[in-house]
Amino acid sequence: ESASYSYYTLSDTPSYYKEATVNADGSLSFSEVKGTEPTTLTNAKTEFSTSLKYGDYQLDITSEDLKNVNTVYGVVVSTKEGSSYGLRHVENIWKKTKLAWSTGFVTEAHGSKLSYADYVSMMGQTINKVTYYTDAGVYEIPMNQYVPVKFTNTIAVENASADAGKTTVTITGLPKDY
């Protein structure tokens, strides 16, 4: 109804929305999503990858219901540990159903730096749902996907003759519980 970054009274209540509150210190806080209850997509198929060039993790979702969506306003990945991660357009969300994010190992894609700090804590957690906010409504995709912990390590093998029968191997950077 108005240009971006303006405030106005809506003529109709949106099907879903968040309420903004100005805190005493001037910062904003937002409510949970209000309005329409999400539609659970039990027929959606997911494919999770840990080796790619667009980030450290990728989640591809296949769903007939999402094919009818024209606009994806946002996607939130939630974990059973109680964390929620909002994904960014272009960097994390593309082609509606392709999701990827970095936790600091892949730091650049297509010549652009990736924002990864917000996603580091997802490692070691289990994704229990992905929520899509779209022009066709809100959709939840239940799942049970562990996000493996990635780490940097090195393995060095000293030179040895073939008939020596042994050599020294040095491994560094492995987590203590690996």
Protein backbone atom coordinates (compact mmCIF):
# COMPACT_ATOMS: atom_id res chain seq x y z
CA GLU A 1 0.00 0.00 0.00
CA SER A 2 2.99 2.33 0.44
CA ALA A 3 6.61 2.58 -0.55
CA SER A 4 9.26 0.56 1.24
CA TYR A 5 10.36 1.68 4.71
CA SER A 6 7.12 3.46 5.50
CA TYR A 7 4.54 2.79 8.19
CA TYR A 8 0.81 2.84 7.60
CA THR A 9 -2.42 1.27 8.76
CA LEU A 10 -3.37 -1.76 6.68
CA SER A 11 -6.81 -1.89 5.16
CA ASP A 12 -6.97 -5.69 5.72
CA THR A 13 -5.30 -8.05 8.16
CA PRO A 14 -2.66 -10.16 6.38
CA SER A 15 -3.06 -13.94 6.53
CA TYR A 16 0.13 -14.05 8.65
CA TYR A 17 2.31 -11.38 10.22
CA LYS A 18 4.59 -10.42 13.12
CA GLU A 19 3.98 -7.55 15.50
CA ALA A 20 6.86 -5.14 16.10
CA THR A 21 7.41 -3.59 19.53
CA VAL A 22 9.72 -0.68 20.30
CA ASN A 23 11.60 -1.53 23.49
CA ALA A 24 12.55 1.03 26.18
CA ASP A 25 16.10 1.22 24.77
CA GLY A 26 14.75 1.99 21.27
CA SER A 27 15.48 -1.46 19.83
CA LEU A 28 12.80 -3.50 18.09
CA SER A 29 11.52 -6.92 19.03
CA PHE A 30 9.15 -9.05 16.99
CA SER A 31 6.42 -11.45 18.03
CA GLU A 32 6.00 -15.01 16.85
CA VAL A 33 4.18 -15.36 13.54
CA LYS A 34 0.47 -14.72 14.03
CA GLY A 35 -2.45 -15.54 11.77
CA THR A 36 -2.80 -18.59 9.58
CA GLU A 37 -1.60 -21.89 10.99
CA PRO A 38 1.07 -23.51 8.81
CA THR A 39 0.17 -26.33 6.45
CA THR A 40 2.29 -29.41 7.16
CA LEU A 41 3.75 -30.95 4.00
CA THR A 42 4.20 -34.60 4.88
CA ASN A 43 4.77 -35.55 1.23
CA ALA A 44 7.86 -33.35 0.80
CA LYS A 45 11.16 -35.10 0.11
CA THR A 46 14.46 -33.69 1.34
CA GLU A 47 18.06 -34.28 0.31
CA PHE A 48 20.85 -33.07 2.61
CA SER A 49 24.45 -32.55 1.40
CA THR A 50 27.64 -31.62 3.24
CA SER A 51 30.01 -31.19 0.30
CA LEU A 52 29.24 -28.37 -2.12
CA LYS A 53 30.49 -25.05 -3.47
CA TYR A 54 27.60 -22.83 -2.26
CA GLY A 55 28.25 -23.28 1.47
CA ASP A 56 28.93 -26.02 3.96
CA TYR A 57 25.46 -27.59 3.92
CA GLN A 58 22.69 -27.80 1.33
CA LEU A 59 19.08 -28.89 1.69
CA ASP A 60 17.06 -29.58 -1.45
CA ILE A 61 13.31 -29.92 -1.00
CA THR A 62 10.95 -31.55 -3.49
CA SER A 63 7.24 -30.87 -3.00
CA GLU A 64 4.31 -30.57 -5.38
CA ASP A 65 2.78 -28.01 -2.99
CA LEU A 66 5.79 -25.68 -3.29
CA LYS A 67 5.64 -25.78 -7.10
CA ASN A 68 2.47 -23.65 -6.90
CA VAL A 69 4.23 -20.93 -4.90
CA ASN A 70 5.12 -17.76 -6.83
CA THR A 71 7.02 -15.89 -4.11
CA VAL A 72 9.00 -17.14 -1.14
CA TYR A 73 9.15 -14.36 1.46
CA GLY A 74 11.36 -16.27 3.87
CA VAL A 75 12.54 -19.65 5.11
CA VAL A 76 13.34 -20.63 8.71
CA VAL A 77 15.25 -23.79 9.62
CA SER A 78 14.41 -25.00 13.15
CA THR A 79 16.17 -27.59 15.29
CA LYS A 80 14.91 -29.95 17.97
CA GLU A 81 17.36 -28.24 20.35
CA GLY A 82 15.17 -25.10 20.11
CA SER A 83 17.18 -22.91 17.71
CA SER A 84 15.76 -21.18 14.63
CA TYR A 85 17.82 -19.91 11.69
CA GLY A 86 16.39 -17.44 9.19
CA LEU A 87 17.83 -17.88 5.71
CA ARG A 88 18.79 -15.01 3.41
CA HIS A 89 17.51 -14.62 -0.14
CA VAL A 90 20.03 -15.22 -2.93
CA GLU A 91 22.78 -16.29 -0.49
CA ASN A 92 20.83 -19.12 1.20
CA ILE A 93 17.57 -19.49 -0.78
CA TRP A 94 17.37 -19.94 -4.53
CA LYS A 95 14.95 -21.60 -6.95
CA LYS A 96 12.47 -21.70 -4.04
CA THR A 97 13.51 -25.13 -2.84
CA LYS A 98 17.31 -25.02 -2.88
CA LEU A 99 18.72 -23.98 0.50
CA ALA A 100 22.40 -23.69 1.42
CA TRP A 101 24.34 -22.07 4.24
CA SER A 102 27.91 -21.73 5.43
CA THR A 103 29.34 -22.28 8.90
CA GLY A 104 32.74 -20.80 8.03
CA PHE A 105 34.50 -23.48 5.99
CA VAL A 106 33.24 -22.40 2.55
CA THR A 107 33.39 -18.61 2.86
CA GLU A 108 32.76 -17.51 -0.72
CA ALA A 109 30.40 -18.52 -3.53
CA HIS A 110 30.34 -17.04 -7.04
CA GLY A 111 32.83 -14.37 -5.92
CA SER A 112 30.62 -13.18 -3.02
CA LYS A 113 31.52 -13.52 0.65
CA LEU A 114 29.10 -15.70 2.62
CA SER A 115 27.62 -14.62 5.96
CA TYR A 116 28.23 -17.62 8.18
CA ALA A 117 28.42 -16.41 11.80
CA ASP A 118 24.68 -16.88 12.42
CA TYR A 119 24.79 -20.55 11.35
CA VAL A 120 27.89 -21.88 13.18
CA SER A 121 25.85 -23.04 16.18
CA MET A 122 23.68 -25.24 13.93
CA MET A 123 26.51 -27.80 13.68
CA GLY A 124 25.75 -30.79 15.90
CA GLN A 125 22.03 -30.00 16.10
CA THR A 126 19.14 -31.86 14.42
CA ILE A 127 16.85 -30.05 11.98
CA ASN A 128 13.27 -30.94 12.89
CA LYS A 129 11.40 -28.62 10.50
CA VAL A 130 11.75 -26.08 7.72
CA THR A 131 9.11 -23.34 7.54
CA TYR A 132 8.36 -21.52 4.29
CA TYR A 133 6.60 -18.14 4.30
CA THR A 134 5.07 -17.66 0.84
CA ASP A 135 2.41 -15.81 -1.14
CA ALA A 136 0.34 -19.02 -0.98
CA GLY A 137 0.59 -19.40 2.81
CA VAL A 138 2.89 -20.85 5.44
CA TYR A 139 4.23 -24.38 4.96
CA GLU A 140 6.08 -26.58 7.46
CA ILE A 141 8.19 -29.51 6.36
CA PRO A 142 8.91 -31.90 9.24
CA MET A 143 12.20 -33.73 9.16
CA ASN A 144 14.86 -35.36 11.30
CA GLN A 145 18.23 -34.35 9.84
CA TYR A 146 21.41 -34.27 11.94
CA VAL A 147 23.82 -31.47 10.92
CA PRO A 148 27.32 -32.99 11.19
CA VAL A 149 30.03 -30.99 12.93
CA LYS A 150 32.76 -29.89 10.54
CA PHE A 151 36.29 -29.13 11.68
CA THR A 152 39.68 -28.27 10.21
CA ASN A 153 42.42 -30.85 10.58
CA THR A 154 45.73 -31.88 9.09
CA ILE A 155 47.34 -35.25 8.51
CA ALA A 156 51.08 -35.43 7.79
CA VAL A 157 53.00 -38.59 6.87
CA GLU A 158 56.78 -38.54 7.05
CA ASN A 159 58.83 -39.92 4.17
CA ALA A 160 59.96 -43.49 4.62
CA SER A 161 61.48 -46.11 2.35
CA ALA A 162 59.12 -48.81 1.09
CA ASP A 163 60.97 -51.54 2.99
CA ALA A 164 61.04 -49.64 6.33
CA GLY A 165 57.76 -51.21 7.42
CA LYS A 166 56.67 -48.12 9.34
CA THR A 167 56.57 -44.33 9.32
CA THR A 168 55.36 -41.49 11.52
CA VAL A 169 51.88 -40.04 11.05
CA THR A 170 50.91 -36.74 12.71
CA ILE A 171 47.23 -35.79 13.02
CA THR A 172 46.17 -32.39 14.40
CA GLY A 173 42.89 -30.55 14.72
CA LEU A 174 40.60 -33.48 15.57
CA PRO A 175 38.01 -32.79 18.28
CA LYS A 176 38.76 -34.51 21.62
CA ASP A 177 35.70 -36.77 21.30
CA TYR A 178 36.35 -37.74 17.66
